[in-house]
Amino acid sequence: MGLIKSCFSFMMGTAFGVYVAQNYNVPNVQKLFNTGLLIAKHIEENYRKPKKRDVDE
Protein backbone atom coordinates (compact mmCIF):
# COMPACT_ATOMS: atom_id res chain seq x y z
CA MET A 1 0.00 0.00 0.00
CA GLY A 2 2.92 2.38 0.56
CA LEU A 3 3.91 2.36 -3.10
CA ILE A 4 0.38 3.15 -4.28
CA LYS A 5 0.01 5.95 -1.71
CA SER A 6 3.33 7.58 -2.63
CA CYS A 7 2.62 7.29 -6.38
CA PHE A 8 -0.81 8.84 -5.87
CA SER A 9 0.71 11.78 -3.97
CA PHE A 10 3.33 12.26 -6.67
CA MET A 11 0.74 12.16 -9.47
CA MET A 12 -1.56 14.63 -7.70
CA GLY A 13 1.36 16.98 -7.01
CA THR A 14 2.44 16.81 -10.64
CA ALA A 15 -1.08 17.47 -11.90
CA PHE A 16 -1.49 20.41 -9.52
CA GLY A 17 1.88 21.85 -10.57
CA VAL A 18 0.96 21.63 -14.24
CA TYR A 19 -2.38 23.31 -13.58
CA VAL A 20 -0.79 26.16 -11.63
CA ALA A 21 1.96 26.67 -14.22
CA GLN A 22 -0.57 26.89 -17.06
CA ASN A 23 -3.12 29.14 -15.37
CA TYR A 24 -1.08 31.49 -13.20
CA ASN A 25 1.94 33.74 -13.70
CA VAL A 26 4.57 31.64 -11.92
CA PRO A 27 8.07 33.17 -11.76
CA ASN A 28 11.01 31.34 -13.33
CA VAL A 29 12.74 29.84 -10.28
CA GLN A 30 16.03 29.16 -12.12
CA LYS A 31 16.30 32.80 -13.22
CA LEU A 32 15.43 34.00 -9.71
CA PHE A 33 18.09 31.70 -8.21
CA ASN A 34 20.76 32.90 -10.69
CA THR A 35 19.95 36.54 -9.92
CA GLY A 36 20.26 35.92 -6.19
CA LEU A 37 23.57 34.12 -6.70
CA LEU A 38 24.90 37.01 -8.79
CA ILE A 39 23.91 39.55 -6.13
CA ALA A 40 25.52 37.42 -3.39
CA LYS A 41 28.78 37.20 -5.37
CA HIS A 42 28.77 40.95 -5.94
CA ILE A 43 28.25 41.68 -2.22
CA GLU A 44 30.92 39.14 -1.22
CA GLU A 45 33.48 40.69 -3.58
CA ASN A 46 32.77 44.24 -2.43
CA TYR A 47 32.81 43.58 1.32
CA ARG A 48 35.59 40.97 1.50
CA LYS A 49 38.40 41.75 3.93
CA PRO A 50 41.60 42.67 2.12
CA LYS A 51 44.27 40.00 2.02
CA LYS A 52 47.10 40.36 4.52
CA ARG A 53 50.45 41.16 2.94
CA ASP A 54 53.57 39.33 3.97
CA VAL A 55 55.94 41.18 6.33
CA ASP A 56 58.91 40.42 4.05
CA GLU A 57 57.62 42.59 1.23
PDB file of N, CA and C in Angstrom:
ATOM      1  N   MET A   1       0.810  -1.196   0.000  1.00  0.00           N
ATOM      2  CA  MET A   1       0.000   0.000   0.000  1.00  0.00           C
ATOM      3  C   MET A   1       0.854   1.261   0.000  1.00  0.00           C
ATOM      4  N   GLY A   2       2.067   1.197   0.499  1.00  0.00           N
ATOM      5  CA  GLY A   2       2.918   2.381   0.561  1.00  0.00           C
ATOM      6  C   GLY A   2       3.300   2.896  -0.808  1.00  0.00           C
ATOM      7  N   LEU A   3       3.531   1.963  -1.734  1.00  0.00           N
ATOM      8  CA  LEU A   3       3.909   2.361  -3.101  1.00  0.00           C
ATOM      9  C   LEU A   3       2.759   3.063  -3.804  1.00  0.00           C
ATOM     10  N   ILE A   4       1.557   2.545  -3.646  1.00  0.00           N
ATOM     11  CA  ILE A   4       0.385   3.152  -4.280  1.00  0.00           C
ATOM     12  C   ILE A   4       0.117   4.536  -3.692  1.00  0.00           C
ATOM     13  N   LYS A   5       0.261   4.668  -2.376  1.00  0.00           N
ATOM     14  CA  LYS A   5       0.014   5.947  -1.713  1.00  0.00           C
ATOM     15  C   LYS A   5       1.037   6.991  -2.150  1.00  0.00           C
ATOM     16  N   SER A   6       2.315   6.604  -2.233  1.00  0.00           N
ATOM     17  CA  SER A   6       3.330   7.579  -2.633  1.00  0.00           C
ATOM     18  C   SER A   6       3.197   7.947  -4.105  1.00  0.00           C
ATOM     19  N   CYS A   7       2.831   6.987  -4.956  1.00  0.00           N
ATOM     20  CA  CYS A   7       2.622   7.293  -6.376  1.00  0.00           C
ATOM     21  C   CYS A   7       1.423   8.210  -6.564  1.00  0.00           C
ATOM     22  N   PHE A   8       0.363   7.980  -5.783  1.00  0.00           N
ATOM     23  CA  PHE A   8      -0.814   8.842  -5.869  1.00  0.00           C
ATOM     24  C   PHE A   8      -0.460  10.271  -5.470  1.00  0.00           C
ATOM     25  N   SER A   9       0.304  10.445  -4.408  1.00  0.00           N
ATOM     26  CA  SER A   9       0.713  11.778  -3.967  1.00  0.00           C
ATOM     27  C   SER A   9       1.571  12.458  -5.027  1.00  0.00           C
ATOM     28  N   PHE A  10       2.475  11.709  -5.619  1.00  0.00           N
ATOM     29  CA  PHE A  10       3.331  12.259  -6.669  1.00  0.00           C
ATOM     30  C   PHE A  10       2.511  12.683  -7.883  1.00  0.00           C
ATOM     31  N   MET A  11       1.573  11.844  -8.307  1.00  0.00           N
ATOM     32  CA  MET A  11       0.735  12.156  -9.470  1.00  0.00           C
ATOM     33  C   MET A  11      -0.145  13.374  -9.208  1.00  0.00           C
ATOM     34  N   MET A  12      -0.716  13.478  -8.023  1.00  0.00           N
ATOM     35  CA  MET A  12      -1.556  14.629  -7.696  1.00  0.00           C
ATOM     36  C   MET A  12      -0.719  15.908  -7.618  1.00  0.00           C
ATOM     37  N   GLY A  13       0.476  15.822  -7.075  1.00  0.00           N
ATOM     38  CA  GLY A  13       1.358  16.982  -7.014  1.00  0.00           C
ATOM     39  C   GLY A  13       1.786  17.438  -8.392  1.00  0.00           C
ATOM     40  N   THR A  14       2.064  16.488  -9.263  1.00  0.00           N
ATOM     41  CA  THR A  14       2.442  16.814 -10.639  1.00  0.00           C
ATOM     42  C   THR A  14       1.282  17.466 -11.376  1.00  0.00           C
ATOM     43  N   ALA A  15       0.100  16.909 -11.236  1.00  0.00           N
ATOM     44  CA  ALA A  15      -1.083  17.471 -11.899  1.00  0.00           C
ATOM     45  C   ALA A  15      -1.377  18.882 -11.380  1.00  0.00           C
ATOM     46  N   PHE A  16      -1.260  19.085 -10.090  1.00  0.00           N
ATOM     47  CA  PHE A  16      -1.491  20.405  -9.518  1.00  0.00           C
ATOM     48  C   PHE A  16      -0.444  21.403 -10.000  1.00  0.00           C
ATOM     49  N   GLY A  17       0.812  20.986 -10.076  1.00  0.00           N
ATOM     50  CA  GLY A  17       1.878  21.851 -10.568  1.00  0.00           C
ATOM     51  C   GLY A  17       1.673  22.250 -12.014  1.00  0.00           C
ATOM     52  N   VAL A  18       1.241  21.316 -12.836  1.00  0.00           N
ATOM     53  CA  VAL A  18       0.963  21.627 -14.244  1.00  0.00           C
ATOM     54  C   VAL A  18      -0.184  22.613 -14.348  1.00  0.00           C
ATOM     55  N   TYR A  19      -1.231  22.406 -13.565  1.00  0.00           N
ATOM     56  CA  TYR A  19      -2.381  23.313 -13.580  1.00  0.00           C
ATOM     57  C   TYR A  19      -1.975  24.726 -13.178  1.00  0.00           C
ATOM     58  N   VAL A  20      -1.210  24.845 -12.110  1.00  0.00           N
ATOM     59  CA  VAL A  20      -0.786  26.159 -11.625  1.00  0.00           C
ATOM     60  C   VAL A  20       0.115  26.843 -12.652  1.00  0.00           C
ATOM     61  N   ALA A  21       1.042  26.100 -13.250  1.00  0.00           N
ATOM     62  CA  ALA A  21       1.965  26.671 -14.220  1.00  0.00           C
ATOM     63  C   ALA A  21       1.236  27.163 -15.468  1.00  0.00           C
ATOM     64  N   GLN A  22       0.160  26.494 -15.859  1.00  0.00           N
ATOM     65  CA  GLN A  22      -0.568  26.889 -17.056  1.00  0.00           C
ATOM     66  C   GLN A  22      -1.524  28.045 -16.815  1.00  0.00           C
ATOM     67  N   ASN A  23      -2.058  28.170 -15.617  1.00  0.00           N
ATOM     68  CA  ASN A  23      -3.121  29.138 -15.370  1.00  0.00           C
ATOM     69  C   ASN A  23      -2.711  30.358 -14.559  1.00  0.00           C
ATOM     70  N   TYR A  24      -1.523  30.369 -14.012  1.00  0.00           N
ATOM     71  CA  TYR A  24      -1.080  31.491 -13.200  1.00  0.00           C
ATOM     72  C   TYR A  24       0.302  31.937 -13.650  1.00  0.00           C
ATOM     73  N   ASN A  25       0.642  33.174 -13.328  1.00  0.00           N
ATOM     74  CA  ASN A  25       1.938  33.736 -13.703  1.00  0.00           C
ATOM     75  C   ASN A  25       2.970  33.318 -12.648  1.00  0.00           C
ATOM     76  N   VAL A  26       3.590  32.194 -12.857  1.00  0.00           N
ATOM     77  CA  VAL A  26       4.571  31.642 -11.915  1.00  0.00           C
ATOM     78  C   VAL A  26       5.958  32.126 -12.330  1.00  0.00           C
ATOM     79  N   PRO A  27       6.741  32.687 -11.392  1.00  0.00           N
ATOM     80  CA  PRO A  27       8.072  33.171 -11.762  1.00  0.00           C
ATOM     81  C   PRO A  27       9.014  32.014 -12.111  1.00  0.00           C
ATOM     82  N   ASN A  28      10.007  32.322 -12.937  1.00  0.00           N
ATOM     83  CA  ASN A  28      11.014  31.340 -13.329  1.00  0.00           C
ATOM     84  C   ASN A  28      11.986  31.185 -12.159  1.00  0.00           C
ATOM     85  N   VAL A  29      11.954  30.061 -11.490  1.00  0.00           N
ATOM     86  CA  VAL A  29      12.742  29.844 -10.282  1.00  0.00           C
ATOM     87  C   VAL A  29      14.238  29.813 -10.611  1.00  0.00           C
ATOM     88  N   GLN A  30      14.619  29.229 -11.743  1.00  0.00           N
ATOM     89  CA  GLN A  30      16.028  29.158 -12.120  1.00  0.00           C
ATOM     90  C   GLN A  30      16.598  30.555 -12.328  1.00  0.00           C
ATOM     91  N   LYS A  31      15.843  31.426 -12.993  1.00  0.00           N
ATOM     92  CA  LYS A  31      16.296  32.798 -13.222  1.00  0.00           C
ATOM     93  C   LYS A  31      16.390  33.558 -11.899  1.00  0.00           C
ATOM     94  N   LEU A  32      15.419  33.355 -11.021  1.00  0.00           N
ATOM     95  CA  LEU A  32      15.431  33.997  -9.708  1.00  0.00           C
ATOM     96  C   LEU A  32      16.634  33.543  -8.890  1.00  0.00           C
ATOM     97  N   PHE A  33      16.943  32.250  -8.927  1.00  0.00           N
ATOM     98  CA  PHE A  33      18.093  31.705  -8.205  1.00  0.00           C
ATOM     99  C   PHE A  33      19.400  32.290  -8.742  1.00  0.00           C
ATOM    100  N   ASN A  34      19.541  32.353 -10.083  1.00  0.00           N
ATOM    101  CA  ASN A  34      20.756  32.896 -10.685  1.00  0.00           C
ATOM    102  C   ASN A  34      20.943  34.364 -10.342  1.00  0.00           C
ATOM    103  N   THR A  35      19.861  35.136 -10.302  1.00  0.00           N
ATOM    104  CA  THR A  35      19.947  36.545  -9.923  1.00  0.00           C
ATOM    105  C   THR A  35      20.409  36.686  -8.479  1.00  0.00           C
ATOM    106  N   GLY A  36      19.851  35.881  -7.592  1.00  0.00           N
ATOM    107  CA  GLY A  36      20.263  35.916  -6.188  1.00  0.00           C
ATOM    108  C   GLY A  36      21.718  35.527  -6.012  1.00  0.00           C
ATOM    109  N   LEU A  37      22.180  34.540  -6.769  1.00  0.00           N
ATOM    110  CA  LEU A  37      23.572  34.121  -6.703  1.00  0.00           C
ATOM    111  C   LEU A  37      24.500  35.227  -7.196  1.00  0.00           C
ATOM    112  N   LEU A  38      24.109  35.910  -8.256  1.00  0.00           N
ATOM    113  CA  LEU A  38      24.904  37.013  -8.791  1.00  0.00           C
ATOM    114  C   LEU A  38      25.002  38.160  -7.786  1.00  0.00           C
ATOM    115  N   ILE A  39      23.910  38.483  -7.136  1.00  0.00           N
ATOM    116  CA  ILE A  39      23.912  39.548  -6.126  1.00  0.00           C
ATOM    117  C   ILE A  39      24.783  39.142  -4.940  1.00  0.00           C
ATOM    118  N   ALA A  40      24.702  37.886  -4.515  1.00  0.00           N
ATOM    119  CA  ALA A  40      25.521  37.421  -3.388  1.00  0.00           C
ATOM    120  C   ALA A  40      27.006  37.486  -3.731  1.00  0.00           C
ATOM    121  N   LYS A  41      27.385  37.110  -4.950  1.00  0.00           N
ATOM    122  CA  LYS A  41      28.784  37.199  -5.370  1.00  0.00           C
ATOM    123  C   LYS A  41      29.259  38.647  -5.381  1.00  0.00           C
ATOM    124  N   HIS A  42      28.416  39.532  -5.874  1.00  0.00           N
ATOM    125  CA  HIS A  42      28.770  40.953  -5.937  1.00  0.00           C
ATOM    126  C   HIS A  42      28.995  41.515  -4.528  1.00  0.00           C
ATOM    127  N   ILE A  43      28.105  41.203  -3.600  1.00  0.00           N
ATOM    128  CA  ILE A  43      28.247  41.680  -2.219  1.00  0.00           C
ATOM    129  C   ILE A  43      29.491  41.085  -1.578  1.00  0.00           C
ATOM    130  N   GLU A  44      29.747  39.800  -1.814  1.00  0.00           N
ATOM    131  CA  GLU A  44      30.916  39.142  -1.224  1.00  0.00           C
ATOM    132  C   GLU A  44      32.208  39.763  -1.734  1.00  0.00           C
ATOM    133  N   GLU A  45      32.272  40.087  -3.019  1.00  0.00           N
ATOM    134  CA  GLU A  45      33.481  40.691  -3.576  1.00  0.00           C
ATOM    135  C   GLU A  45      33.699  42.105  -3.057  1.00  0.00           C
ATOM    136  N   ASN A  46      32.633  42.856  -2.874  1.00  0.00           N
ATOM    137  CA  ASN A  46      32.770  44.240  -2.429  1.00  0.00           C
ATOM    138  C   ASN A  46      33.104  44.368  -0.952  1.00  0.00           C
ATOM    139  N   TYR A  47      32.626  43.459  -0.126  1.00  0.00           N
ATOM    140  CA  TYR A  47      32.814  43.583   1.318  1.00  0.00           C
ATOM    141  C   TYR A  47      33.806  42.588   1.889  1.00  0.00           C
ATOM    142  N   ARG A  48      34.575  41.930   1.052  1.00  0.00           N
ATOM    143  CA  ARG A  48      35.588  40.973   1.504  1.00  0.00           C
ATOM    144  C   ARG A  48      36.715  41.732   2.199  1.00  0.00           C
ATOM    145  N   LYS A  49      37.256  41.141   3.261  1.00  0.00           N
ATOM    146  CA  LYS A  49      38.401  41.746   3.932  1.00  0.00           C
ATOM    147  C   LYS A  49      39.594  41.693   2.990  1.00  0.00           C
ATOM    148  N   PRO A  50      40.414  42.728   2.989  1.00  0.00           N
ATOM    149  CA  PRO A  50      41.599  42.672   2.121  1.00  0.00           C
ATOM    150  C   PRO A  50      42.572  41.612   2.599  1.00  0.00           C
ATOM    151  N   LYS A  51      43.303  41.034   1.660  1.00  0.00           N
ATOM    152  CA  LYS A  51      44.274  39.999   2.016  1.00  0.00           C
ATOM    153  C   LYS A  51      45.430  40.620   2.763  1.00  0.00           C
ATOM    154  N   LYS A  52      45.947  39.883   3.763  1.00  0.00           N
ATOM    155  CA  LYS A  52      47.104  40.362   4.521  1.00  0.00           C
ATOM    156  C   LYS A  52      48.344  40.222   3.665  1.00  0.00           C
ATOM    157  N   ARG A  53      49.187  41.223   3.676  1.00  0.00           N
ATOM    158  CA  ARG A  53      50.447  41.158   2.938  1.00  0.00           C
ATOM    159  C   ARG A  53      51.528  40.566   3.839  1.00  0.00           C
ATOM    160  N   ASP A  54      52.468  39.906   3.206  1.00  0.00           N
ATOM    161  CA  ASP A  54      53.574  39.332   3.971  1.00  0.00           C
ATOM    162  C   ASP A  54      54.453  40.442   4.528  1.00  0.00           C
ATOM    163  N   VAL A  55      55.082  40.201   5.683  1.00  0.00           N
ATOM    164  CA  VAL A  55      55.943  41.181   6.331  1.00  0.00           C
ATOM    165  C   VAL A  55      57.219  41.376   5.525  1.00  0.00           C
ATOM    166  N   ASP A  56      57.658  40.346   4.781  1.00  0.00           N
ATOM    167  CA  ASP A  56      58.913  40.421   4.049  1.00  0.00           C
ATOM    168  C   ASP A  56      58.841  41.419   2.888  1.00  0.00           C
ATOM    169  N   GLU A  57      57.702  41.720   2.389  1.00  0.00           N
ATOM    170  CA  GLU A  57      57.616  42.590   1.231  1.00  0.00           C
ATOM    171  C   GLU A  57      57.759  44.020   1.571  1.00  0.00           C
TER     172      GLU A  57
END
